[in-house]
């Protein structure tokens, strides 16, 4: 899988980031919340990212 960085909350380091893949999918890097109360199957997870990260990607029209 090829991954291309779309937008991040910082230039370098460990921070929320959105990536596009060559499979026409999006990868999301963020915090793993523990207090969400959702019932998830073992093969799924959720991540938490700032709303501003989505706004930045849409504003920059990278997807």
PDB file of N, CA and C in Angstrom:
ATOM      1  N   UNK A   1       0.849  -1.167   0.000  1.00  0.00           N
ATOM      2  CA  UNK A   1       0.000   0.000   0.000  1.00  0.00           C
ATOM      3  C   UNK A   1       0.899   1.236   0.000  1.00  0.00           C
ATOM      4  N   UNK A   2       0.619   2.169  -0.890  1.00  0.00           N
ATOM      5  CA  UNK A   2       1.311   3.458  -0.888  1.00  0.00           C
ATOM      6  C   UNK A   2       0.479   4.458  -0.102  1.00  0.00           C
ATOM      7  N   UNK A   3       1.151   5.250   0.714  1.00  0.00           N
ATOM      8  CA  UNK A   3       0.482   6.207   1.599  1.00  0.00           C
ATOM      9  C   UNK A   3       1.041   7.598   1.325  1.00  0.00           C
ATOM     10  N   UNK A   4       0.131   8.572   1.187  1.00  0.00           N
ATOM     11  CA  UNK A   4       0.517   9.960   0.953  1.00  0.00           C
ATOM     12  C   UNK A   4      -0.079  10.832   2.051  1.00  0.00           C
ATOM     13  N   UNK A   5       0.747  11.616   2.700  1.00  0.00           N
ATOM     14  CA  UNK A   5       0.283  12.518   3.762  1.00  0.00           C
ATOM     15  C   UNK A   5      -0.568  13.624   3.154  1.00  0.00           C
ATOM     16  N   UNK A   6      -1.771  13.797   3.698  1.00  0.00           N
ATOM     17  CA  UNK A   6      -2.673  14.849   3.232  1.00  0.00           C
ATOM     18  C   UNK A   6      -2.578  16.097   4.102  1.00  0.00           C
ATOM     19  N   UNK A   7      -2.649  15.902   5.401  1.00  0.00           N
ATOM     20  CA  UNK A   7      -2.622  17.034   6.328  1.00  0.00           C
ATOM     21  C   UNK A   7      -2.298  16.513   7.716  1.00  0.00           C
ATOM     22  N   UNK A   8      -1.725  17.400   8.519  1.00  0.00           N
ATOM     23  CA  UNK A   8      -1.338  17.037   9.869  1.00  0.00           C
ATOM     24  C   UNK A   8      -1.502  18.249  10.777  1.00  0.00           C
ATOM     25  N   UNK A   9      -1.529  17.996  12.077  1.00  0.00           N
ATOM     26  CA  UNK A   9      -1.599  19.109  13.020  1.00  0.00           C
ATOM     27  C   UNK A   9      -0.208  19.618  13.374  1.00  0.00           C
ATOM     28  N   UNK A  10       0.835  18.949  12.870  1.00  0.00           N
ATOM     29  CA  UNK A  10       2.204  19.435  13.063  1.00  0.00           C
ATOM     30  C   UNK A  10       3.048  18.997  11.872  1.00  0.00           C
ATOM     31  N   UNK A  11       4.185  19.608  11.706  1.00  0.00           N
ATOM     32  CA  UNK A  11       5.050  19.295  10.572  1.00  0.00           C
ATOM     33  C   UNK A  11       5.801  17.980  10.757  1.00  0.00           C
ATOM     34  N   UNK A  12       6.291  17.739  11.941  1.00  0.00           N
ATOM     35  CA  UNK A  12       7.048  16.516  12.223  1.00  0.00           C
ATOM     36  C   UNK A  12       6.624  15.966  13.576  1.00  0.00           C
ATOM     37  N   UNK A  13       6.765  14.673  13.738  1.00  0.00           N
ATOM     38  CA  UNK A  13       6.481  14.102  15.050  1.00  0.00           C
ATOM     39  C   UNK A  13       5.200  13.308  15.093  1.00  0.00           C
ATOM     40  N   UNK A  14       4.837  12.923  16.283  1.00  0.00           N
ATOM     41  CA  UNK A  14       3.645  12.123  16.522  1.00  0.00           C
ATOM     42  C   UNK A  14       2.456  13.034  16.771  1.00  0.00           C
ATOM     43  N   UNK A  15       1.587  13.145  15.778  1.00  0.00           N
ATOM     44  CA  UNK A  15       0.409  13.999  15.931  1.00  0.00           C
ATOM     45  C   UNK A  15      -0.675  13.528  14.965  1.00  0.00           C
ATOM     46  N   UNK A  16      -1.914  13.953  15.178  1.00  0.00           N
ATOM     47  CA  UNK A  16      -2.993  13.555  14.285  1.00  0.00           C
ATOM     48  C   UNK A  16      -2.676  13.908  12.832  1.00  0.00           C
ATOM     49  N   UNK A  17      -2.891  12.932  11.951  1.00  0.00           N
ATOM     50  CA  UNK A  17      -2.554  13.086  10.534  1.00  0.00           C
ATOM     51  C   UNK A  17      -3.547  12.307   9.689  1.00  0.00           C
ATOM     52  N   UNK A  18      -3.861  12.844   8.515  1.00  0.00           N
ATOM     53  CA  UNK A  18      -4.682  12.142   7.531  1.00  0.00           C
ATOM     54  C   UNK A  18      -3.804  11.757   6.352  1.00  0.00           C
ATOM     55  N   UNK A  19      -3.992  10.512   5.856  1.00  0.00           N
ATOM     56  CA  UNK A  19      -3.233  10.007   4.728  1.00  0.00           C
ATOM     57  C   UNK A  19      -4.194   9.457   3.680  1.00  0.00           C
ATOM     58  N   UNK A  20      -3.834   9.582   2.410  1.00  0.00           N
ATOM     59  CA  UNK A  20      -4.549   8.917   1.320  1.00  0.00           C
ATOM     60  C   UNK A  20      -3.741   7.688   0.924  1.00  0.00           C
ATOM     61  N   UNK A  21      -4.436   6.650   0.477  1.00  0.00           N
ATOM     62  CA  UNK A  21      -3.742   5.445   0.020  1.00  0.00           C
ATOM     63  C   UNK A  21      -3.994   5.244  -1.473  1.00  0.00           C
ATOM     64  N   UNK A  22      -3.206   4.368  -2.068  1.00  0.00           N
ATOM     65  CA  UNK A  22      -3.407   4.037  -3.476  1.00  0.00           C
ATOM     66  C   UNK A  22      -4.583   3.076  -3.671  1.00  0.00           C
ATOM     67  N   UNK A  23      -5.311   2.784  -2.595  1.00  0.00           N
ATOM     68  CA  UNK A  23      -6.508   1.942  -2.662  1.00  0.00           C
ATOM     69  C   UNK A  23      -7.785   2.772  -2.624  1.00  0.00           C
ATOM     70  N   UNK A  24      -7.645   4.106  -2.749  1.00  0.00           N
ATOM     71  CA  UNK A  24      -8.792   5.017  -2.635  1.00  0.00           C
ATOM     72  C   UNK A  24      -9.406   4.974  -1.244  1.00  0.00           C
ATOM     73  N   UNK A  25      -8.555   4.902  -0.223  1.00  0.00           N
ATOM     74  CA  UNK A  25      -9.009   4.933   1.159  1.00  0.00           C
ATOM     75  C   UNK A  25      -8.226   5.999   1.914  1.00  0.00           C
ATOM     76  N   UNK A  26      -8.677   6.293   3.112  1.00  0.00           N
ATOM     77  CA  UNK A  26      -8.037   7.279   3.983  1.00  0.00           C
ATOM     78  C   UNK A  26      -7.573   6.573   5.255  1.00  0.00           C
ATOM     79  N   UNK A  27      -6.350   6.854   5.677  1.00  0.00           N
ATOM     80  CA  UNK A  27      -5.855   6.390   6.968  1.00  0.00           C
ATOM     81  C   UNK A  27      -5.847   7.579   7.914  1.00  0.00           C
ATOM     82  N   UNK A  28      -6.229   7.347   9.159  1.00  0.00           N
ATOM     83  CA  UNK A  28      -6.287   8.412  10.157  1.00  0.00           C
ATOM     84  C   UNK A  28      -5.398   8.034  11.327  1.00  0.00           C
ATOM     85  N   UNK A  29      -4.495   8.933  11.658  1.00  0.00           N
ATOM     86  CA  UNK A  29      -3.644   8.751  12.832  1.00  0.00           C
ATOM     87  C   UNK A  29      -4.125   9.712  13.900  1.00  0.00           C
ATOM     88  N   UNK A  30      -4.411   9.191  15.077  1.00  0.00           N
ATOM     89  CA  UNK A  30      -4.889  10.034  16.163  1.00  0.00           C
ATOM     90  C   UNK A  30      -4.799   9.308  17.488  1.00  0.00           C
ATOM     91  N   UNK A  31      -5.370   9.901  18.486  1.00  0.00           N
ATOM     92  CA  UNK A  31      -5.395   9.318  19.831  1.00  0.00           C
ATOM     93  C   UNK A  31      -6.435   8.205  19.886  1.00  0.00           C
ATOM     94  N   UNK A  32      -6.174   7.193  20.684  1.00  0.00           N
ATOM     95  CA  UNK A  32      -7.149   6.126  20.913  1.00  0.00           C
ATOM     96  C   UNK A  32      -7.938   6.456  22.173  1.00  0.00           C
ATOM     97  N   UNK A  33      -9.197   6.876  22.015  1.00  0.00           N
ATOM     98  CA  UNK A  33      -9.986   7.208  23.193  1.00  0.00           C
ATOM     99  C   UNK A  33     -10.423   5.939  23.929  1.00  0.00           C
ATOM    100  N   UNK A  34     -10.532   6.034  25.222  1.00  0.00           N
ATOM    101  CA  UNK A  34     -10.944   4.870  26.015  1.00  0.00           C
ATOM    102  C   UNK A  34     -12.339   5.040  26.618  1.00  0.00           C
ATOM    103  N   UNK A  35     -12.895   6.216  26.523  1.00  0.00           N
ATOM    104  CA  UNK A  35     -14.177   6.494  27.174  1.00  0.00           C
ATOM    105  C   UNK A  35     -15.318   6.712  26.176  1.00  0.00           C
ATOM    106  N   UNK A  36     -15.240   6.104  24.987  1.00  0.00           N
ATOM    107  CA  UNK A  36     -16.236   6.363  23.949  1.00  0.00           C
ATOM    108  C   UNK A  36     -17.539   5.593  24.159  1.00  0.00           C
ATOM    109  N   UNK A  37     -17.530   4.487  24.870  1.00  0.00           N
ATOM    110  CA  UNK A  37     -18.747   3.733  25.142  1.00  0.00           C
ATOM    111  C   UNK A  37     -19.312   2.978  23.956  1.00  0.00           C
ATOM    112  N   UNK A  38     -18.555   2.846  22.880  1.00  0.00           N
ATOM    113  CA  UNK A  38     -19.016   2.140  21.692  1.00  0.00           C
ATOM    114  C   UNK A  38     -18.695   0.652  21.796  1.00  0.00           C
ATOM    115  N   UNK A  39     -19.554  -0.176  21.229  1.00  0.00           N
ATOM    116  CA  UNK A  39     -19.308  -1.613  21.158  1.00  0.00           C
ATOM    117  C   UNK A  39     -18.682  -1.900  19.794  1.00  0.00           C
ATOM    118  N   UNK A  40     -17.386  -2.175  19.777  1.00  0.00           N
ATOM    119  CA  UNK A  40     -16.664  -2.389  18.524  1.00  0.00           C
ATOM    120  C   UNK A  40     -16.224  -3.844  18.405  1.00  0.00           C
ATOM    121  N   UNK A  41     -16.309  -4.404  17.195  1.00  0.00           N
ATOM    122  CA  UNK A  41     -15.761  -5.740  16.993  1.00  0.00           C
ATOM    123  C   UNK A  41     -14.236  -5.703  17.155  1.00  0.00           C
ATOM    124  N   UNK A  42     -13.641  -6.850  17.397  1.00  0.00           N
ATOM    125  CA  UNK A  42     -12.195  -6.924  17.657  1.00  0.00           C
ATOM    126  C   UNK A  42     -11.356  -6.401  16.500  1.00  0.00           C
ATOM    127  N   UNK A  43     -11.869  -6.460  15.267  1.00  0.00           N
ATOM    128  CA  UNK A  43     -11.088  -6.029  14.103  1.00  0.00           C
ATOM    129  C   UNK A  43     -11.235  -4.535  13.793  1.00  0.00           C
ATOM    130  N   UNK A  44     -11.975  -3.789  14.597  1.00  0.00           N
ATOM    131  CA  UNK A  44     -12.162  -2.355  14.383  1.00  0.00           C
ATOM    132  C   UNK A  44     -11.619  -1.553  15.556  1.00  0.00           C
ATOM    133  N   UNK A  45     -11.346  -0.271  15.291  1.00  0.00           N
ATOM    134  CA  UNK A  45     -10.937   0.648  16.343  1.00  0.00           C
ATOM    135  C   UNK A  45     -11.466   2.039  16.002  1.00  0.00           C
ATOM    136  N   UNK A  46     -11.385   2.940  16.925  1.00  0.00           N
ATOM    137  CA  UNK A  46     -11.723   4.335  16.661  1.00  0.00           C
ATOM    138  C   UNK A  46     -10.520   5.185  17.055  1.00  0.00           C
ATOM    139  N   UNK A  47     -10.390   6.318  16.381  1.00  0.00           N
ATOM    140  CA  UNK A  47      -9.361   7.285  16.752  1.00  0.00           C
ATOM    141  C   UNK A  47     -10.016   8.644  16.863  1.00  0.00           C
ATOM    142  N   UNK A  48      -9.409   9.494  17.634  1.00  0.00           N
ATOM    143  CA  UNK A  48      -9.932  10.842  17.851  1.00  0.00           C
ATOM    144  C   UNK A  48      -8.952  11.832  17.243  1.00  0.00           C
ATOM    145  N   UNK A  49      -9.481  12.741  16.397  1.00  0.00           N
ATOM    146  CA  UNK A  49      -8.658  13.770  15.779  1.00  0.00           C
ATOM    147  C   UNK A  49      -9.338  15.129  15.951  1.00  0.00           C
ATOM    148  N   UNK A  50      -8.586  16.210  15.883  1.00  0.00           N
ATOM    149  CA  UNK A  50      -9.184  17.530  15.971  1.00  0.00           C
ATOM    150  C   UNK A  50     -10.025  17.831  14.722  1.00  0.00           C
ATOM    151  N   UNK A  51     -11.160  18.487  14.893  1.00  0.00           N
ATOM    152  CA  UNK A  51     -12.004  18.890  13.772  1.00  0.00           C
ATOM    153  C   UNK A  51     -11.209  19.762  12.812  1.00  0.00           C
ATOM    154  N   UNK A  52     -10.311  20.565  13.329  1.00  0.00           N
ATOM    155  CA  UNK A  52      -9.518  21.461  12.482  1.00  0.00           C
ATOM    156  C   UNK A  52      -8.684  20.691  11.457  1.00  0.00           C
ATOM    157  N   UNK A  53      -8.298  19.466  11.765  1.00  0.00           N
ATOM    158  CA  UNK A  53      -7.545  18.657  10.796  1.00  0.00           C
ATOM    159  C   UNK A  53      -8.399  18.352   9.568  1.00  0.00           C
ATOM    160  N   UNK A  54      -9.655  18.012   9.759  1.00  0.00           N
ATOM    161  CA  UNK A  54     -10.565  17.793   8.628  1.00  0.00           C
ATOM    162  C   UNK A  54     -10.794  19.087   7.858  1.00  0.00           C
ATOM    163  N   UNK A  55     -10.975  20.171   8.580  1.00  0.00           N
ATOM    164  CA  UNK A  55     -11.158  21.471   7.904  1.00  0.00           C
ATOM    165  C   UNK A  55      -9.950  21.814   7.045  1.00  0.00           C
ATOM    166  N   UNK A  56      -8.760  21.536   7.558  1.00  0.00           N
ATOM    167  CA  UNK A  56      -7.535  21.842   6.826  1.00  0.00           C
ATOM    168  C   UNK A  56      -7.465  21.050   5.527  1.00  0.00           C
ATOM    169  N   UNK A  57      -7.780  19.755   5.568  1.00  0.00           N
ATOM    170  CA  UNK A  57      -7.771  18.938   4.355  1.00  0.00           C
ATOM    171  C   UNK A  57      -8.794  19.441   3.349  1.00  0.00           C
ATOM    172  N   UNK A  58      -9.986  19.745   3.817  1.00  0.00           N
ATOM    173  CA  UNK A  58     -11.031  20.231   2.902  1.00  0.00           C
ATOM    174  C   UNK A  58     -10.684  21.611   2.347  1.00  0.00           C
ATOM    175  N   UNK A  59     -10.134  22.466   3.175  1.00  0.00           N
ATOM    176  CA  UNK A  59      -9.744  23.817   2.736  1.00  0.00           C
ATOM    177  C   UNK A  59      -8.659  23.732   1.673  1.00  0.00           C
ATOM    178  N   UNK A  60      -7.722  22.840   1.866  1.00  0.00           N
ATOM    179  CA  UNK A  60      -6.607  22.685   0.920  1.00  0.00           C
ATOM    180  C   UNK A  60      -6.989  21.843  -0.292  1.00  0.00           C
ATOM    181  N   UNK A  61      -8.219  21.280  -0.284  1.00  0.00           N
ATOM    182  CA  UNK A  61      -8.754  20.465  -1.373  1.00  0.00           C
ATOM    183  C   UNK A  61      -7.789  19.371  -1.784  1.00  0.00           C
ATOM    184  N   UNK A  62      -7.299  18.644  -0.808  1.00  0.00           N
ATOM    185  CA  UNK A  62      -6.344  17.571  -1.088  1.00  0.00           C
ATOM    186  C   UNK A  62      -7.015  16.225  -1.316  1.00  0.00           C
ATOM    187  N   UNK A  63      -8.344  16.172  -1.155  1.00  0.00           N
ATOM    188  CA  UNK A  63      -9.042  14.915  -1.430  1.00  0.00           C
ATOM    189  C   UNK A  63     -10.254  15.208  -2.284  1.00  0.00           C
TER     190      UNK A  63
END
